[in-house]
Amino acid sequence: PRAHLRAFVLKPLAEVAPGWVHPVLKAPVAALVADVEDQA
């Protein structure tokens, strides 16, 4: 439920599954990563 809000999940996820699309939000991982760019 919170994976799409966490850079520490999304950035590594994008490395192993670059084509992954969030099954509920229907957003590709690249778009989700862009939403969390401000996280350290």
Full PDB file with SEQRES, HELIX, SHEET, SSBOND, CRYST1, ORIGX, SCALE, CONECT and MASTER records, all heavy atoms in Angstrom:
SEQRES   1 A   40  PRO ARG ALA HIS LEU ARG ALA PHE VAL LEU LYS PRO LEU          
SEQRES   2 A   40  ALA GLU VAL ALA PRO GLY TRP VAL HIS PRO VAL LEU LYS          
SEQRES   3 A   40  ALA PRO VAL ALA ALA LEU VAL ALA ASP VAL GLU ASP GLN          
SEQRES   4 A   40  ALA                                                          
HELIX    1 AA1 ALA A    3  LEU A    5  5                                   3    
HELIX    2 AA2 ALA A    7  VAL A   16  1                                  10    
HELIX    3 AA3 VAL A   29  ALA A   34  1                                   6    
CRYST1    1.000    1.000    1.000  90.00  90.00  90.00 P 1           1          
ORIGX1      1.000000  0.000000  0.000000        0.00000                         
ORIGX2      0.000000  1.000000  0.000000        0.00000                         
ORIGX3      0.000000  0.000000  1.000000        0.00000                         
SCALE1      1.000000  0.000000  0.000000        0.00000                         
SCALE2      0.000000  1.000000  0.000000        0.00000                         
SCALE3      0.000000  0.000000  1.000000        0.00000                         
ATOM      1  N   PRO A   1       0.776  -1.245   0.000  1.00  0.00           N  
ATOM      2  CA  PRO A   1       0.000   0.000   0.000  1.00  0.00           C  
ATOM      3  C   PRO A   1       0.809   1.299   0.000  1.00  0.00           C  
ATOM      4  O   PRO A   1       0.264   2.342  -0.330  1.00  0.00           O  
ATOM      5  CB  PRO A   1      -0.849  -0.111   1.257  1.00  0.00           C  
ATOM      6  CG  PRO A   1      -0.155  -1.105   2.124  1.00  0.00           C  
ATOM      7  CD  PRO A   1       0.551  -2.048   1.193  1.00  0.00           C  
ATOM      8  N   ARG A   2       2.099   1.250   0.359  1.00  0.00           N  
ATOM      9  CA  ARG A   2       2.898   2.491   0.374  1.00  0.00           C  
ATOM     10  C   ARG A   2       4.082   2.462  -0.583  1.00  0.00           C  
ATOM     11  O   ARG A   2       4.855   3.411  -0.636  1.00  0.00           O  
ATOM     12  CB  ARG A   2       3.375   2.791   1.803  1.00  0.00           C  
ATOM     13  CG  ARG A   2       2.231   3.178   2.737  1.00  0.00           C  
ATOM     14  CD  ARG A   2       2.657   3.297   4.188  1.00  0.00           C  
ATOM     15  NE  ARG A   2       3.263   2.084   4.730  1.00  0.00           N  
ATOM     16  CZ  ARG A   2       2.606   0.967   5.081  1.00  0.00           C  
ATOM     17  NH1 ARG A   2       1.299   0.907   4.933  1.00  0.00           N  
ATOM     18  NH2 ARG A   2       3.242  -0.064   5.580  1.00  0.00           N  
ATOM     19  N   ALA A   3       4.229   1.412  -1.350  1.00  0.00           N  
ATOM     20  CA  ALA A   3       5.390   1.289  -2.237  1.00  0.00           C  
ATOM     21  C   ALA A   3       5.505   2.461  -3.201  1.00  0.00           C  
ATOM     22  O   ALA A   3       6.607   2.943  -3.468  1.00  0.00           O  
ATOM     23  CB  ALA A   3       5.315  -0.022  -3.020  1.00  0.00           C  
ATOM     24  N   HIS A   4       4.396   2.940  -3.702  1.00  0.00           N  
ATOM     25  CA  HIS A   4       4.414   4.016  -4.692  1.00  0.00           C  
ATOM     26  C   HIS A   4       4.825   5.364  -4.105  1.00  0.00           C  
ATOM     27  O   HIS A   4       5.030   6.327  -4.846  1.00  0.00           O  
ATOM     28  CB  HIS A   4       3.049   4.133  -5.385  1.00  0.00           C  
ATOM     29  CG  HIS A   4       1.955   4.582  -4.473  1.00  0.00           C  
ATOM     30  ND1 HIS A   4       1.396   3.762  -3.515  1.00  0.00           N  
ATOM     31  CD2 HIS A   4       1.326   5.779  -4.357  1.00  0.00           C  
ATOM     32  CE1 HIS A   4       0.471   4.423  -2.860  1.00  0.00           C  
ATOM     33  NE2 HIS A   4       0.399   5.651  -3.351  1.00  0.00           N  
ATOM     34  N   LEU A   5       4.958   5.429  -2.783  1.00  0.00           N  
ATOM     35  CA  LEU A   5       5.318   6.676  -2.097  1.00  0.00           C  
ATOM     36  C   LEU A   5       6.774   6.690  -1.648  1.00  0.00           C  
ATOM     37  O   LEU A   5       7.217   7.674  -1.059  1.00  0.00           O  
ATOM     38  CB  LEU A   5       4.430   6.860  -0.861  1.00  0.00           C  
ATOM     39  CG  LEU A   5       2.931   6.863  -1.117  1.00  0.00           C  
ATOM     40  CD1 LEU A   5       2.169   6.863   0.204  1.00  0.00           C  
ATOM     41  CD2 LEU A   5       2.548   8.056  -1.977  1.00  0.00           C  
ATOM     42  N   ARG A   6       7.541   5.642  -1.914  1.00  0.00           N  
ATOM     43  CA  ARG A   6       8.866   5.460  -1.344  1.00  0.00           C  
ATOM     44  C   ARG A   6       9.951   5.344  -2.420  1.00  0.00           C  
ATOM     45  O   ARG A   6      10.000   4.359  -3.151  1.00  0.00           O  
ATOM     46  CB  ARG A   6       8.911   4.195  -0.494  1.00  0.00           C  
ATOM     47  CG  ARG A   6       7.804   4.080   0.553  1.00  0.00           C  
ATOM     48  CD  ARG A   6       7.997   5.088   1.655  1.00  0.00           C  
ATOM     49  NE  ARG A   6       7.261   4.736   2.852  1.00  0.00           N  
ATOM     50  CZ  ARG A   6       6.436   5.557   3.467  1.00  0.00           C  
ATOM     51  NH1 ARG A   6       6.219   6.762   2.991  1.00  0.00           N  
ATOM     52  NH2 ARG A   6       5.832   5.181   4.573  1.00  0.00           N  
ATOM     53  N   ALA A   7      10.838   6.317  -2.465  1.00  0.00           N  
ATOM     54  CA  ALA A   7      11.966   6.253  -3.407  1.00  0.00           C  
ATOM     55  C   ALA A   7      12.828   5.029  -3.136  1.00  0.00           C  
ATOM     56  O   ALA A   7      13.357   4.418  -4.066  1.00  0.00           O  
ATOM     57  CB  ALA A   7      12.803   7.531  -3.324  1.00  0.00           C  
ATOM     58  N   PHE A   8      12.970   4.643  -1.860  1.00  0.00           N  
ATOM     59  CA  PHE A   8      13.825   3.508  -1.526  1.00  0.00           C  
ATOM     60  C   PHE A   8      13.263   2.178  -2.025  1.00  0.00           C  
ATOM     61  O   PHE A   8      13.975   1.185  -2.082  1.00  0.00           O  
ATOM     62  CB  PHE A   8      14.140   3.451  -0.025  1.00  0.00           C  
ATOM     63  CG  PHE A   8      12.953   3.217   0.873  1.00  0.00           C  
ATOM     64  CD1 PHE A   8      12.410   1.961   1.057  1.00  0.00           C  
ATOM     65  CD2 PHE A   8      12.407   4.284   1.578  1.00  0.00           C  
ATOM     66  CE1 PHE A   8      11.326   1.759   1.903  1.00  0.00           C  
ATOM     67  CE2 PHE A   8      11.335   4.089   2.436  1.00  0.00           C  
ATOM     68  CZ  PHE A   8      10.789   2.828   2.597  1.00  0.00           C  
ATOM     69  N   VAL A   9      12.006   2.152  -2.413  1.00  0.00           N  
ATOM     70  CA  VAL A   9      11.418   0.987  -3.071  1.00  0.00           C  
ATOM     71  C   VAL A   9      11.459   1.183  -4.585  1.00  0.00           C  
ATOM     72  O   VAL A   9      11.878   0.298  -5.333  1.00  0.00           O  
ATOM     73  CB  VAL A   9       9.961   0.748  -2.609  1.00  0.00           C  
ATOM     74  CG1 VAL A   9       9.289  -0.323  -3.460  1.00  0.00           C  
ATOM     75  CG2 VAL A   9       9.915   0.375  -1.145  1.00  0.00           C  
ATOM     76  N   LEU A  10      11.021   2.341  -5.047  1.00  0.00           N  
ATOM     77  CA  LEU A  10      10.838   2.563  -6.477  1.00  0.00           C  
ATOM     78  C   LEU A  10      12.139   2.606  -7.281  1.00  0.00           C  
ATOM     79  O   LEU A  10      12.198   2.054  -8.385  1.00  0.00           O  
ATOM     80  CB  LEU A  10      10.048   3.848  -6.709  1.00  0.00           C  
ATOM     81  CG  LEU A  10       8.609   3.816  -6.182  1.00  0.00           C  
ATOM     82  CD1 LEU A  10       7.993   5.201  -6.271  1.00  0.00           C  
ATOM     83  CD2 LEU A  10       7.775   2.790  -6.944  1.00  0.00           C  
ATOM     84  N   LYS A  11      13.173   3.252  -6.763  1.00  0.00           N  
ATOM     85  CA  LYS A  11      14.421   3.340  -7.540  1.00  0.00           C  
ATOM     86  C   LYS A  11      15.064   1.974  -7.738  1.00  0.00           C  
ATOM     87  O   LYS A  11      15.413   1.619  -8.867  1.00  0.00           O  
ATOM     88  CB  LYS A  11      15.364   4.363  -6.930  1.00  0.00           C  
ATOM     89  CG  LYS A  11      14.864   5.785  -7.174  1.00  0.00           C  
ATOM     90  CD  LYS A  11      15.888   6.835  -6.841  1.00  0.00           C  
ATOM     91  CE  LYS A  11      15.353   8.215  -7.233  1.00  0.00           C  
ATOM     92  NZ  LYS A  11      16.378   9.235  -7.195  1.00  0.00           N  
ATOM     93  N   PRO A  12      15.196   1.155  -6.689  1.00  0.00           N  
ATOM     94  CA  PRO A  12      15.729  -0.181  -6.950  1.00  0.00           C  
ATOM     95  C   PRO A  12      14.765  -1.059  -7.754  1.00  0.00           C  
ATOM     96  O   PRO A  12      15.201  -1.858  -8.595  1.00  0.00           O  
ATOM     97  CB  PRO A  12      16.001  -0.763  -5.564  1.00  0.00           C  
ATOM     98  CG  PRO A  12      15.495   0.193  -4.565  1.00  0.00           C  
ATOM     99  CD  PRO A  12      15.115   1.456  -5.261  1.00  0.00           C  
ATOM    100  N   LEU A  13      13.454  -0.890  -7.547  1.00  0.00           N  
ATOM    101  CA  LEU A  13      12.480  -1.656  -8.311  1.00  0.00           C  
ATOM    102  C   LEU A  13      12.626  -1.369  -9.805  1.00  0.00           C  
ATOM    103  O   LEU A  13      12.567  -2.286 -10.629  1.00  0.00           O  
ATOM    104  CB  LEU A  13      11.064  -1.329  -7.827  1.00  0.00           C  
ATOM    105  CG  LEU A  13       9.927  -2.181  -8.365  1.00  0.00           C  
ATOM    106  CD1 LEU A  13       8.770  -2.179  -7.378  1.00  0.00           C  
ATOM    107  CD2 LEU A  13       9.449  -1.725  -9.716  1.00  0.00           C  
ATOM    108  N   ALA A  14      12.865  -0.109 -10.141  1.00  0.00           N  
ATOM    109  CA  ALA A  14      13.021   0.273 -11.550  1.00  0.00           C  
ATOM    110  C   ALA A  14      14.224  -0.413 -12.191  1.00  0.00           C  
ATOM    111  O   ALA A  14      14.240  -0.634 -13.409  1.00  0.00           O  
ATOM    112  CB  ALA A  14      13.143   1.791 -11.678  1.00  0.00           C  
ATOM    113  N   GLU A  15      15.212  -0.761 -11.395  1.00  0.00           N  
ATOM    114  CA  GLU A  15      16.386  -1.469 -11.939  1.00  0.00           C  
ATOM    115  C   GLU A  15      16.061  -2.907 -12.317  1.00  0.00           C  
ATOM    116  O   GLU A  15      16.579  -3.414 -13.307  1.00  0.00           O  
ATOM    117  CB  GLU A  15      17.526  -1.465 -10.916  1.00  0.00           C  
ATOM    118  CG  GLU A  15      18.138  -0.123 -10.666  1.00  0.00           C  
ATOM    119  CD  GLU A  15      19.257  -0.173  -9.646  1.00  0.00           C  
ATOM    120  OE1 GLU A  15      19.451  -1.202  -8.961  1.00  0.00           O  
ATOM    121  OE2 GLU A  15      19.963   0.839  -9.531  1.00  0.00           O  
ATOM    122  N   VAL A  16      15.235  -3.588 -11.519  1.00  0.00           N  
ATOM    123  CA  VAL A  16      14.959  -5.006 -11.776  1.00  0.00           C  
ATOM    124  C   VAL A  16      13.699  -5.232 -12.600  1.00  0.00           C  
ATOM    125  O   VAL A  16      13.535  -6.301 -13.188  1.00  0.00           O  
ATOM    126  CB  VAL A  16      14.881  -5.827 -10.465  1.00  0.00           C  
ATOM    127  CG1 VAL A  16      16.206  -5.787  -9.741  1.00  0.00           C  
ATOM    128  CG2 VAL A  16      13.746  -5.386  -9.575  1.00  0.00           C  
ATOM    129  N   ALA A  17      12.816  -4.242 -12.639  1.00  0.00           N  
ATOM    130  CA  ALA A  17      11.552  -4.380 -13.386  1.00  0.00           C  
ATOM    131  C   ALA A  17      11.189  -3.037 -14.015  1.00  0.00           C  
ATOM    132  O   ALA A  17      10.199  -2.410 -13.640  1.00  0.00           O  
ATOM    133  CB  ALA A  17      10.441  -4.872 -12.466  1.00  0.00           C  
ATOM    134  N   PRO A  18      11.997  -2.563 -14.982  1.00  0.00           N  
ATOM    135  CA  PRO A  18      11.775  -1.228 -15.545  1.00  0.00           C  
ATOM    136  C   PRO A  18      10.429  -1.056 -16.241  1.00  0.00           C  
ATOM    137  O   PRO A  18       9.945   0.060 -16.381  1.00  0.00           O  
ATOM    138  CB  PRO A  18      12.943  -1.044 -16.519  1.00  0.00           C  
ATOM    139  CG  PRO A  18      13.444  -2.410 -16.794  1.00  0.00           C  
ATOM    140  CD  PRO A  18      13.145  -3.232 -15.584  1.00  0.00           C  
ATOM    141  N   GLY A  19       9.803  -2.141 -16.622  1.00  0.00           N  
ATOM    142  CA  GLY A  19       8.504  -2.054 -17.272  1.00  0.00           C  
ATOM    143  C   GLY A  19       7.327  -2.232 -16.328  1.00  0.00           C  
ATOM    144  O   GLY A  19       6.173  -2.276 -16.764  1.00  0.00           O  
ATOM    145  N   TRP A  20       7.610  -2.308 -15.025  1.00  0.00           N  
ATOM    146  CA  TRP A  20       6.543  -2.552 -14.056  1.00  0.00           C  
ATOM    147  C   TRP A  20       5.540  -1.409 -14.042  1.00  0.00           C  
ATOM    148  O   TRP A  20       5.909  -0.237 -14.092  1.00  0.00           O  
ATOM    149  CB  TRP A  20       7.140  -2.737 -12.653  1.00  0.00           C  
ATOM    150  CG  TRP A  20       6.136  -3.097 -11.600  1.00  0.00           C  
ATOM    151  CD1 TRP A  20       5.513  -4.298 -11.440  1.00  0.00           C  
ATOM    152  CD2 TRP A  20       5.654  -2.266 -10.541  1.00  0.00           C  
ATOM    153  NE1 TRP A  20       4.665  -4.253 -10.337  1.00  0.00           N  
ATOM    154  CE2 TRP A  20       4.738  -3.011  -9.772  1.00  0.00           C  
ATOM    155  CE3 TRP A  20       5.906  -0.941 -10.171  1.00  0.00           C  
ATOM    156  CZ2 TRP A  20       4.081  -2.508  -8.664  1.00  0.00           C  
ATOM    157  CZ3 TRP A  20       5.254  -0.422  -9.060  1.00  0.00           C  
ATOM    158  CH2 TRP A  20       4.348  -1.205  -8.317  1.00  0.00           C  
ATOM    159  N   VAL A  21       4.269  -1.774 -13.980  1.00  0.00           N  
ATOM    160  CA  VAL A  21       3.169  -0.806 -13.882  1.00  0.00           C  
ATOM    161  C   VAL A  21       2.399  -1.129 -12.603  1.00  0.00           C  
ATOM    162  O   VAL A  21       2.028  -2.287 -12.360  1.00  0.00           O  
ATOM    163  CB  VAL A  21       2.243  -0.894 -15.115  1.00  0.00           C  
ATOM    164  CG1 VAL A  21       1.035   0.007 -14.952  1.00  0.00           C  
ATOM    165  CG2 VAL A  21       3.019  -0.556 -16.387  1.00  0.00           C  
ATOM    166  N   HIS A  22       2.183  -0.112 -11.789  1.00  0.00           N  
ATOM    167  CA  HIS A  22       1.451  -0.296 -10.537  1.00  0.00           C  
ATOM    168  C   HIS A  22       0.061  -0.838 -10.864  1.00  0.00           C  
ATOM    169  O   HIS A  22      -0.682  -0.216 -11.635  1.00  0.00           O  
ATOM    170  CB  HIS A  22       1.353   1.036  -9.788  1.00  0.00           C  
ATOM    171  CG  HIS A  22       0.877   0.919  -8.398  1.00  0.00           C  
ATOM    172  ND1 HIS A  22      -0.442   0.656  -8.085  1.00  0.00           N  
ATOM    173  CD2 HIS A  22       1.536   1.014  -7.217  1.00  0.00           C  
ATOM    174  CE1 HIS A  22      -0.574   0.605  -6.772  1.00  0.00           C  
ATOM    175  NE2 HIS A  22       0.609   0.821  -6.216  1.00  0.00           N  
ATOM    176  N   PRO A  23      -0.304  -1.996 -10.320  1.00  0.00           N  
ATOM    177  CA  PRO A  23      -1.565  -2.630 -10.713  1.00  0.00           C  
ATOM    178  C   PRO A  23      -2.826  -1.858 -10.359  1.00  0.00           C  
ATOM    179  O   PRO A  23      -3.858  -2.077 -10.981  1.00  0.00           O  
ATOM    180  CB  PRO A  23      -1.552  -3.970  -9.970  1.00  0.00           C  
ATOM    181  CG  PRO A  23      -0.195  -4.144  -9.432  1.00  0.00           C  
ATOM    182  CD  PRO A  23       0.480  -2.819  -9.413  1.00  0.00           C  
ATOM    183  N   VAL A  24      -2.771  -0.961  -9.393  1.00  0.00           N  
ATOM    184  CA  VAL A  24      -3.949  -0.176  -9.009  1.00  0.00           C  
ATOM    185  C   VAL A  24      -3.915   1.190  -9.673  1.00  0.00           C  
ATOM    186  O   VAL A  24      -4.884   1.632 -10.285  1.00  0.00           O  
ATOM    187  CB  VAL A  24      -4.047  -0.031  -7.475  1.00  0.00           C  
ATOM    188  CG1 VAL A  24      -5.167   0.929  -7.089  1.00  0.00           C  
ATOM    189  CG2 VAL A  24      -4.249  -1.386  -6.823  1.00  0.00           C  
ATOM    190  N   LEU A  25      -2.782   1.867  -9.548  1.00  0.00           N  
ATOM    191  CA  LEU A  25      -2.664   3.225 -10.087  1.00  0.00           C  
ATOM    192  C   LEU A  25      -2.509   3.252 -11.602  1.00  0.00           C  
ATOM    193  O   LEU A  25      -2.692   4.304 -12.216  1.00  0.00           O  
ATOM    194  CB  LEU A  25      -1.470   3.937  -9.439  1.00  0.00           C  
ATOM    195  CG  LEU A  25      -1.501   4.033  -7.910  1.00  0.00           C  
ATOM    196  CD1 LEU A  25      -0.206   4.644  -7.398  1.00  0.00           C  
ATOM    197  CD2 LEU A  25      -2.711   4.830  -7.453  1.00  0.00           C  
ATOM    198  N   LYS A  26      -2.122   2.116 -12.184  1.00  0.00           N  
ATOM    199  CA  LYS A  26      -1.882   2.000 -13.638  1.00  0.00           C  
ATOM    200  C   LYS A  26      -0.781   2.953 -14.095  1.00  0.00           C  
ATOM    201  O   LYS A  26      -0.748   3.379 -15.241  1.00  0.00           O  
ATOM    202  CB  LYS A  26      -3.158   2.244 -14.459  1.00  0.00           C  
ATOM    203  CG  LYS A  26      -4.322   1.367 -14.059  1.00  0.00           C  
ATOM    204  CD  LYS A  26      -4.031  -0.099 -14.251  1.00  0.00           C  
ATOM    205  CE  LYS A  26      -5.258  -0.944 -13.949  1.00  0.00           C  
ATOM    206  NZ  LYS A  26      -4.939  -2.272 -13.516  1.00  0.00           N  
ATOM    207  N   ALA A  27       0.144   3.291 -13.190  1.00  0.00           N  
ATOM    208  CA  ALA A  27       1.249   4.200 -13.492  1.00  0.00           C  
ATOM    209  C   ALA A  27       2.524   3.388 -13.649  1.00  0.00           C  
ATOM    210  O   ALA A  27       2.806   2.499 -12.833  1.00  0.00           O  
ATOM    211  CB  ALA A  27       1.421   5.223 -12.373  1.00  0.00           C  
ATOM    212  N   PRO A  28       3.322   3.676 -14.679  1.00  0.00           N  
ATOM    213  CA  PRO A  28       4.604   2.986 -14.835  1.00  0.00           C  
ATOM    214  C   PRO A  28       5.582   3.419 -13.748  1.00  0.00           C  
ATOM    215  O   PRO A  28       5.498   4.531 -13.214  1.00  0.00           O  
ATOM    216  CB  PRO A  28       5.085   3.408 -16.218  1.00  0.00           C  
ATOM    217  CG  PRO A  28       4.345   4.653 -16.543  1.00  0.00           C  
ATOM    218  CD  PRO A  28       3.065   4.622 -15.760  1.00  0.00           C  
ATOM    219  N   VAL A  29       6.520   2.522 -13.427  1.00  0.00           N  
ATOM    220  CA  VAL A  29       7.465   2.803 -12.357  1.00  0.00           C  
ATOM    221  C   VAL A  29       8.246   4.092 -12.621  1.00  0.00           C  
ATOM    222  O   VAL A  29       8.526   4.842 -11.684  1.00  0.00           O  
ATOM    223  CB  VAL A  29       8.391   1.596 -12.090  1.00  0.00           C  
ATOM    224  CG1 VAL A  29       9.351   1.351 -13.229  1.00  0.00           C  
ATOM    225  CG2 VAL A  29       9.138   1.781 -10.777  1.00  0.00           C  
ATOM    226  N   ALA A  30       8.573   4.403 -13.871  1.00  0.00           N  
ATOM    227  CA  ALA A  30       9.318   5.637 -14.163  1.00  0.00           C  
ATOM    228  C   ALA A  30       8.539   6.878 -13.720  1.00  0.00           C  
ATOM    229  O   ALA A  30       9.117   7.826 -13.179  1.00  0.00           O  
ATOM    230  CB  ALA A  30       9.651   5.719 -15.654  1.00  0.00           C  
ATOM    231  N   ALA A  31       7.231   6.877 -13.915  1.00  0.00           N  
ATOM    232  CA  ALA A  31       6.407   8.020 -13.494  1.00  0.00           C  
ATOM    233  C   ALA A  31       6.338   8.092 -11.972  1.00  0.00           C  
ATOM    234  O   ALA A  31       6.366   9.177 -11.393  1.00  0.00           O  
ATOM    235  CB  ALA A  31       5.005   7.910 -14.086  1.00  0.00           C  
ATOM    236  N   LEU A  32       6.263   6.936 -11.326  1.00  0.00           N  
ATOM    237  CA  LEU A  32       6.223   6.923  -9.864  1.00  0.00           C  
ATOM    238  C   LEU A  32       7.549   7.410  -9.276  1.00  0.00           C  
ATOM    239  O   LEU A  32       7.557   8.139  -8.285  1.00  0.00           O  
ATOM    240  CB  LEU A  32       5.895   5.516  -9.364  1.00  0.00           C  
ATOM    241  CG  LEU A  32       4.509   4.988  -9.765  1.00  0.00           C  
ATOM    242  CD1 LEU A  32       4.374   3.513  -9.398  1.00  0.00           C  
ATOM    243  CD2 LEU A  32       3.410   5.811  -9.111  1.00  0.00           C  
ATOM    244  N   VAL A  33       8.668   7.022  -9.883  1.00  0.00           N  
ATOM    245  CA  VAL A  33       9.986   7.490  -9.436  1.00  0.00           C  
ATOM    246  C   VAL A  33      10.053   9.014  -9.532  1.00  0.00           C  
ATOM    247  O   VAL A  33      10.550   9.686  -8.622  1.00  0.00           O  
ATOM    248  CB  VAL A  33      11.125   6.830 -10.241  1.00  0.00           C  
ATOM    249  CG1 VAL A  33      12.447   7.551 -10.020  1.00  0.00           C  
ATOM    250  CG2 VAL A  33      11.264   5.360  -9.867  1.00  0.00           C  
ATOM    251  N   ALA A  34       9.543   9.576 -10.607  1.00  0.00           N  
ATOM    252  CA  ALA A  34       9.571  11.035 -10.785  1.00  0.00           C  
ATOM    253  C   ALA A  34       8.812  11.751  -9.664  1.00  0.00           C  
ATOM    254  O   ALA A  34       9.185  12.861  -9.274  1.00  0.00           O  
ATOM    255  CB  ALA A  34       8.989  11.417 -12.147  1.00  0.00           C  
ATOM    256  N   ASP A  35       7.793  11.095  -9.120  1.00  0.00           N  
ATOM    257  CA  ASP A  35       6.996  11.702  -8.044  1.00  0.00           C  
ATOM    258  C   ASP A  35       7.712  11.724  -6.691  1.00  0.00           C  
ATOM    259  O   ASP A  35       7.263  12.406  -5.777  1.00  0.00           O  
ATOM    260  CB  ASP A  35       5.669  10.961  -7.879  1.00  0.00           C  
ATOM    261  CG  ASP A  35       4.712  11.202  -9.034  1.00  0.00           C  
ATOM    262  OD1 ASP A  35       4.914  12.177  -9.790  1.00  0.00           O  
ATOM    263  OD2 ASP A  35       3.768  10.404  -9.173  1.00  0.00           O  
ATOM    264  N   VAL A  36       8.813  10.966  -6.546  1.00  0.00           N  
ATOM    265  CA  VAL A  36       9.507  10.882  -5.249  1.00  0.00           C  
ATOM    266  C   VAL A  36      10.950  11.382  -5.336  1.00  0.00           C  
ATOM    267  O   VAL A  36      11.767  11.088  -4.469  1.00  0.00           O  
ATOM    268  CB  VAL A  36       9.469   9.438  -4.681  1.00  0.00           C  
ATOM    269  CG1 VAL A  36       8.038   9.026  -4.366  1.00  0.00           C  
ATOM    270  CG2 VAL A  36      10.137   8.452  -5.622  1.00  0.00           C  
ATOM    271  N   GLU A  37      11.249  12.161  -6.354  1.00  0.00           N  
ATOM    272  CA  GLU A  37      12.618  12.643  -6.559  1.00  0.00           C  
ATOM    273  C   GLU A  37      13.145  13.486  -5.402  1.00  0.00           C  
ATOM    274  O   GLU A  37      14.350  13.621  -5.240  1.00  0.00           O  
ATOM    275  CB  GLU A  37      12.724  13.430  -7.872  1.00  0.00           C  
ATOM    276  CG  GLU A  37      12.741  12.560  -9.106  1.00  0.00           C  
ATOM    277  CD  GLU A  37      13.956  11.626  -9.195  1.00  0.00           C  
ATOM    278  OE1 GLU A  37      15.028  11.943  -8.652  1.00  0.00           O  
ATOM    279  OE2 GLU A  37      13.818  10.559  -9.813  1.00  0.00           O  
ATOM    280  N   ASP A  38      12.268  14.050  -4.588  1.00  0.00           N  
ATOM    281  CA  ASP A  38      12.717  14.896  -3.481  1.00  0.00           C  
ATOM    282  C   ASP A  38      13.151  14.095  -2.254  1.00  0.00           C  
ATOM    283  O   ASP A  38      13.682  14.667  -1.305  1.00  0.00           O  
ATOM    284  CB  ASP A  38      11.607  15.868  -3.092  1.00  0.00           C  
ATOM    285  CG  ASP A  38      10.335  15.166  -2.623  1.00  0.00           C  
ATOM    286  OD1 ASP A  38      10.081  14.017  -3.055  1.00  0.00           O  
ATOM    287  OD2 ASP A  38       9.594  15.767  -1.824  1.00  0.00           O  
ATOM    288  N   GLN A  39      12.981  12.776  -2.255  1.00  0.00           N  
ATOM    289  CA  GLN A  39      13.367  11.962  -1.103  1.00  0.00           C  
ATOM    290  C   GLN A  39      14.870  11.676  -1.123  1.00  0.00           C  
ATOM    291  O   GLN A  39      15.444  11.409  -2.169  1.00  0.00           O  
ATOM    292  CB  GLN A  39      12.575  10.658  -1.081  1.00  0.00           C  
ATOM    293  CG  GLN A  39      11.104  10.882  -0.816  1.00  0.00           C  
ATOM    294  CD  GLN A  39      10.309   9.591  -0.826  1.00  0.00           C  
ATOM    295  OE1 GLN A  39      10.841   8.496  -0.697  1.00  0.00           O  
ATOM    296  NE2 GLN A  39       8.990   9.727  -0.987  1.00  0.00           N  
ATOM    297  N   ALA A  40      15.491  11.730   0.060  1.00  0.00           N  
ATOM    298  CA  ALA A  40      16.941  11.534   0.186  1.00  0.00           C  
ATOM    299  C   ALA A  40      17.298  10.065  -0.004  1.00  0.00           C  
ATOM    300  O   ALA A  40      16.926   9.207   0.800  1.00  0.00           O  
ATOM    301  CB  ALA A  40      17.406  12.014   1.551  1.00  0.00           C  
TER     302      ALA A  40                                                      
MASTER        0    0    0    3    0    0    0    6  301    1    0    4          
END                                                                             
